[in-house]
């Protein structure tokens, strides 16, 4: 069963391109390969309490890697670029209010 927690795998914020997109009010996530744009939009809105304007997705092919003497193929993965509404922000490094 797909829940919001399983659809959004992890944020991608350590790359140069994702840092540039943060300035344009966009956030990059690795998402479940079977998730569509509507599922991703509702999951981000539910998890982070923000208004999502649009979602762009792309599927990356897994690379061939050396494993001992042979080769193995890494898994394919899906990336979503989520455009937030004007004035919305997701701060991953904010301290929680619980402490």
N, C-alpha and C. Protein backbone atom coordinates (compact mmCIF):
# COMPACT_ATOMS: atom_id res chain seq x y z
N UNK A 1 0.84 -1.18 0.00
CA UNK A 1 0.00 0.00 0.00
C UNK A 1 0.89 1.24 0.00
N UNK A 2 0.56 2.19 -0.86
CA UNK A 2 1.35 3.41 -0.96
C UNK A 2 0.80 4.47 -0.01
N UNK A 3 1.65 4.91 0.90
CA UNK A 3 1.30 6.01 1.79
C UNK A 3 2.21 7.19 1.45
N UNK A 4 1.93 8.32 2.06
CA UNK A 4 2.75 9.51 1.79
C UNK A 4 4.20 9.28 2.19
N UNK A 5 4.42 8.53 3.28
CA UNK A 5 5.77 8.27 3.76
C UNK A 5 6.55 7.35 2.81
N UNK A 6 5.85 6.44 2.12
CA UNK A 6 6.55 5.54 1.22
C UNK A 6 6.72 6.13 -0.18
N UNK A 7 5.86 7.07 -0.56
CA UNK A 7 5.98 7.68 -1.88
C UNK A 7 7.21 8.58 -1.95
N UNK A 8 7.42 9.41 -0.93
CA UNK A 8 8.58 10.30 -0.88
C UNK A 8 9.71 9.53 -0.19
N UNK A 9 10.74 9.17 -0.96
CA UNK A 9 11.84 8.40 -0.38
C UNK A 9 12.82 9.27 0.38
N UNK A 10 13.33 10.33 -0.29
CA UNK A 10 14.30 11.22 0.37
C UNK A 10 14.40 12.51 -0.42
N UNK A 11 14.73 13.60 0.26
CA UNK A 11 14.99 14.83 -0.48
C UNK A 11 16.39 14.80 -1.08
N UNK A 12 16.56 15.44 -2.20
CA UNK A 12 17.87 15.55 -2.84
C UNK A 12 18.24 17.03 -2.79
N UNK A 13 19.10 17.41 -1.84
CA UNK A 13 19.44 18.81 -1.69
C UNK A 13 20.94 19.05 -1.63
N UNK A 14 21.74 18.06 -1.94
CA UNK A 14 23.18 18.23 -1.89
C UNK A 14 23.81 18.36 -3.27
N UNK A 15 23.01 18.49 -4.31
CA UNK A 15 23.57 18.65 -5.65
C UNK A 15 23.52 20.12 -6.05
N UNK A 16 24.35 20.48 -7.00
CA UNK A 16 24.41 21.87 -7.44
C UNK A 16 23.10 22.30 -8.09
N UNK A 17 22.52 21.43 -8.90
CA UNK A 17 21.28 21.77 -9.58
C UNK A 17 20.13 21.94 -8.59
N UNK A 18 20.04 21.07 -7.59
CA UNK A 18 18.95 21.20 -6.62
C UNK A 18 19.10 22.46 -5.79
N UNK A 19 20.33 22.89 -5.52
CA UNK A 19 20.53 24.15 -4.80
C UNK A 19 20.11 25.35 -5.64
N UNK A 20 20.35 25.30 -6.94
CA UNK A 20 19.89 26.36 -7.83
C UNK A 20 18.36 26.40 -7.87
N UNK A 21 17.73 25.22 -7.92
CA UNK A 21 16.27 25.15 -7.98
C UNK A 21 15.63 25.64 -6.68
N UNK A 22 16.33 25.50 -5.55
CA UNK A 22 15.78 25.99 -4.27
C UNK A 22 15.57 27.50 -4.35
N UNK A 23 16.43 28.20 -5.08
CA UNK A 23 16.25 29.64 -5.25
C UNK A 23 15.05 29.98 -6.11
N UNK A 24 14.56 29.03 -6.89
CA UNK A 24 13.40 29.24 -7.76
C UNK A 24 12.14 28.65 -7.14
N UNK A 25 12.18 28.40 -5.81
CA UNK A 25 11.04 27.86 -5.05
C UNK A 25 10.65 26.45 -5.52
N UNK A 26 11.67 25.63 -5.85
CA UNK A 26 11.44 24.25 -6.24
C UNK A 26 12.26 23.33 -5.33
N UNK A 27 11.72 22.15 -5.05
CA UNK A 27 12.38 21.17 -4.19
C UNK A 27 12.47 19.85 -4.95
N UNK A 28 13.58 19.12 -4.79
CA UNK A 28 13.81 17.88 -5.52
C UNK A 28 13.73 16.71 -4.55
N UNK A 29 12.99 15.66 -4.94
CA UNK A 29 12.83 14.46 -4.12
C UNK A 29 13.11 13.22 -4.97
N UNK A 30 13.62 12.18 -4.31
CA UNK A 30 13.60 10.85 -4.91
C UNK A 30 12.29 10.22 -4.48
N UNK A 31 11.54 9.68 -5.44
CA UNK A 31 10.20 9.16 -5.15
C UNK A 31 10.10 7.71 -5.61
N UNK A 32 9.03 7.08 -5.21
CA UNK A 32 8.74 5.71 -5.61
C UNK A 32 8.52 5.66 -7.11
N UNK A 33 9.08 4.64 -7.77
CA UNK A 33 8.98 4.57 -9.23
C UNK A 33 7.56 4.44 -9.73
N UNK A 34 6.68 3.83 -8.97
CA UNK A 34 5.30 3.63 -9.41
C UNK A 34 4.38 4.80 -9.12
N UNK A 35 4.90 5.85 -8.50
CA UNK A 35 4.06 6.99 -8.12
C UNK A 35 3.89 7.94 -9.31
N UNK A 36 2.68 8.46 -9.46
CA UNK A 36 2.44 9.44 -10.52
C UNK A 36 2.47 10.86 -9.93
N UNK A 37 2.28 11.86 -10.76
CA UNK A 37 2.40 13.25 -10.33
C UNK A 37 1.35 13.63 -9.29
N UNK A 38 0.15 13.12 -9.44
CA UNK A 38 -0.93 13.44 -8.50
C UNK A 38 -0.61 12.86 -7.12
N UNK A 39 -0.11 11.63 -7.08
CA UNK A 39 0.27 11.00 -5.80
C UNK A 39 1.39 11.77 -5.13
N UNK A 40 2.38 12.20 -5.92
CA UNK A 40 3.51 12.94 -5.37
C UNK A 40 3.04 14.28 -4.82
N UNK A 41 2.16 14.95 -5.55
CA UNK A 41 1.65 16.25 -5.10
C UNK A 41 0.92 16.14 -3.77
N UNK A 42 0.03 15.16 -3.65
CA UNK A 42 -0.72 15.01 -2.41
C UNK A 42 0.18 14.58 -1.26
N UNK A 43 1.19 13.76 -1.54
CA UNK A 43 2.11 13.31 -0.49
C UNK A 43 2.94 14.48 0.06
N UNK A 44 3.44 15.34 -0.82
CA UNK A 44 4.24 16.48 -0.38
C UNK A 44 3.37 17.46 0.41
N UNK A 45 2.14 17.71 -0.07
CA UNK A 45 1.24 18.62 0.65
C UNK A 45 0.90 18.08 2.02
N UNK A 46 0.72 16.76 2.14
CA UNK A 46 0.35 16.16 3.42
C UNK A 46 1.54 16.13 4.38
N UNK A 47 2.72 15.76 3.90
CA UNK A 47 3.87 15.62 4.78
C UNK A 47 4.44 16.95 5.26
N UNK A 48 4.48 17.95 4.39
CA UNK A 48 5.16 19.19 4.71
C UNK A 48 4.23 20.39 4.90
N UNK A 49 2.91 20.19 4.77
CA UNK A 49 1.91 21.25 4.96
C UNK A 49 2.21 22.48 4.10
N UNK A 50 2.43 22.24 2.81
CA UNK A 50 2.69 23.32 1.86
C UNK A 50 1.74 23.18 0.68
N UNK A 51 1.61 24.22 -0.10
CA UNK A 51 0.79 24.21 -1.32
C UNK A 51 1.70 23.97 -2.51
N UNK A 52 1.42 22.91 -3.28
CA UNK A 52 2.24 22.54 -4.44
C UNK A 52 1.58 23.09 -5.69
N UNK A 53 2.38 23.76 -6.50
CA UNK A 53 1.87 24.32 -7.75
C UNK A 53 1.96 23.31 -8.89
N UNK A 54 3.13 22.64 -9.05
CA UNK A 54 3.26 21.65 -10.12
C UNK A 54 4.34 20.63 -9.75
N UNK A 55 4.33 19.52 -10.47
CA UNK A 55 5.30 18.44 -10.25
C UNK A 55 5.83 17.99 -11.61
N UNK A 56 7.15 17.91 -11.75
CA UNK A 56 7.78 17.36 -12.94
C UNK A 56 8.56 16.12 -12.50
N UNK A 57 8.44 15.04 -13.27
CA UNK A 57 9.12 13.79 -12.90
C UNK A 57 10.02 13.32 -14.03
N UNK A 58 11.04 12.56 -13.65
CA UNK A 58 11.92 11.94 -14.63
C UNK A 58 12.43 10.63 -14.05
N UNK A 59 12.62 9.64 -14.91
CA UNK A 59 13.11 8.33 -14.51
C UNK A 59 14.56 8.20 -14.95
N UNK A 60 15.43 7.87 -14.02
CA UNK A 60 16.85 7.69 -14.31
C UNK A 60 17.15 6.20 -14.41
N UNK A 61 17.89 5.83 -15.43
CA UNK A 61 18.30 4.44 -15.60
C UNK A 61 19.42 4.13 -14.62
N UNK A 62 19.40 2.91 -14.06
CA UNK A 62 20.46 2.49 -13.16
C UNK A 62 21.75 2.27 -13.93
N UNK A 63 22.86 2.60 -13.29
CA UNK A 63 24.16 2.46 -13.94
C UNK A 63 24.68 1.04 -13.79
N UNK A 64 25.58 0.66 -14.69
CA UNK A 64 26.27 -0.62 -14.56
C UNK A 64 27.46 -0.42 -13.64
N UNK A 65 27.58 -1.28 -12.63
CA UNK A 65 28.66 -1.16 -11.65
C UNK A 65 29.44 -2.46 -11.59
N UNK A 66 30.69 -2.36 -11.22
CA UNK A 66 31.52 -3.55 -11.03
C UNK A 66 31.21 -4.15 -9.67
N UNK A 67 30.96 -5.44 -9.64
CA UNK A 67 30.76 -6.18 -8.41
C UNK A 67 31.69 -7.38 -8.46
N UNK A 68 32.87 -7.25 -7.88
CA UNK A 68 33.86 -8.30 -7.97
C UNK A 68 34.40 -8.38 -9.39
N UNK A 69 34.32 -9.57 -9.99
CA UNK A 69 34.79 -9.73 -11.37
C UNK A 69 33.71 -9.43 -12.39
N UNK A 70 32.47 -9.40 -11.95
CA UNK A 70 31.38 -9.21 -12.90
C UNK A 70 30.79 -7.81 -12.82
N UNK A 71 29.68 -7.65 -13.52
CA UNK A 71 28.96 -6.39 -13.54
C UNK A 71 27.56 -6.59 -12.99
N UNK A 72 27.04 -5.57 -12.37
CA UNK A 72 25.66 -5.59 -11.88
C UNK A 72 25.02 -4.27 -12.27
N UNK A 73 23.72 -4.28 -12.45
CA UNK A 73 23.00 -3.06 -12.81
C UNK A 73 22.31 -2.51 -11.57
N UNK A 74 22.55 -1.23 -11.29
CA UNK A 74 21.87 -0.59 -10.17
C UNK A 74 20.41 -0.36 -10.57
N UNK A 75 19.55 -0.18 -9.58
CA UNK A 75 18.13 -0.03 -9.86
C UNK A 75 17.82 1.31 -10.51
N UNK A 76 16.78 1.31 -11.35
CA UNK A 76 16.27 2.56 -11.89
C UNK A 76 15.62 3.34 -10.74
N UNK A 77 15.62 4.68 -10.84
CA UNK A 77 14.98 5.48 -9.80
C UNK A 77 14.31 6.69 -10.42
N UNK A 78 13.37 7.25 -9.68
CA UNK A 78 12.55 8.34 -10.19
C UNK A 78 12.81 9.60 -9.36
N UNK A 79 12.93 10.73 -10.05
CA UNK A 79 13.17 12.01 -9.40
C UNK A 79 12.00 12.93 -9.71
N UNK A 80 11.56 13.68 -8.68
CA UNK A 80 10.47 14.63 -8.85
C UNK A 80 10.94 16.02 -8.46
N UNK A 81 10.69 16.99 -9.35
CA UNK A 81 10.96 18.39 -9.05
C UNK A 81 9.61 19.03 -8.73
N UNK A 82 9.43 19.43 -7.47
CA UNK A 82 8.16 19.95 -6.99
C UNK A 82 8.26 21.47 -6.92
N UNK A 83 7.38 22.17 -7.63
CA UNK A 83 7.32 23.62 -7.58
C UNK A 83 6.30 24.02 -6.52
N UNK A 84 6.76 24.78 -5.54
CA UNK A 84 5.89 25.21 -4.45
C UNK A 84 5.20 26.51 -4.84
N UNK A 85 4.04 26.76 -4.22
CA UNK A 85 3.31 28.00 -4.47
C UNK A 85 4.10 29.18 -3.91
N UNK A 86 3.77 30.36 -4.36
CA UNK A 86 4.47 31.57 -3.95
C UNK A 86 4.34 31.76 -2.44
N UNK A 87 5.46 32.00 -1.78
CA UNK A 87 5.47 32.21 -0.34
C UNK A 87 5.64 30.94 0.48
N UNK A 88 5.56 29.77 -0.13
CA UNK A 88 5.73 28.49 0.59
C UNK A 88 7.21 28.13 0.64
N UNK A 89 7.59 27.37 1.67
CA UNK A 89 8.98 26.98 1.85
C UNK A 89 9.04 25.69 2.66
N UNK A 90 9.97 24.80 2.31
CA UNK A 90 10.25 23.60 3.10
C UNK A 90 11.66 23.75 3.64
N UNK A 91 11.79 23.78 4.97
CA UNK A 91 13.10 23.93 5.60
C UNK A 91 13.47 22.59 6.23
N UNK A 92 14.42 21.89 5.62
CA UNK A 92 14.80 20.56 6.11
C UNK A 92 15.69 20.63 7.34
N UNK A 93 16.36 21.76 7.56
CA UNK A 93 17.32 21.86 8.64
C UNK A 93 16.79 22.65 9.84
N UNK A 94 15.50 22.95 9.87
CA UNK A 94 14.93 23.68 10.99
C UNK A 94 14.86 22.77 12.21
N UNK A 95 15.07 23.36 13.38
CA UNK A 95 14.96 22.57 14.62
C UNK A 95 13.51 22.30 14.90
N UNK A 96 13.23 21.12 15.44
CA UNK A 96 11.86 20.76 15.73
C UNK A 96 11.36 21.54 16.95
N UNK A 97 10.07 21.74 17.03
CA UNK A 97 9.46 22.51 18.11
C UNK A 97 9.35 21.68 19.39
N UNK A 98 9.59 20.35 19.29
CA UNK A 98 9.45 19.47 20.44
C UNK A 98 10.54 19.69 21.47
N UNK A 99 11.78 20.04 21.04
CA UNK A 99 12.88 20.15 21.99
C UNK A 99 12.98 21.51 22.61
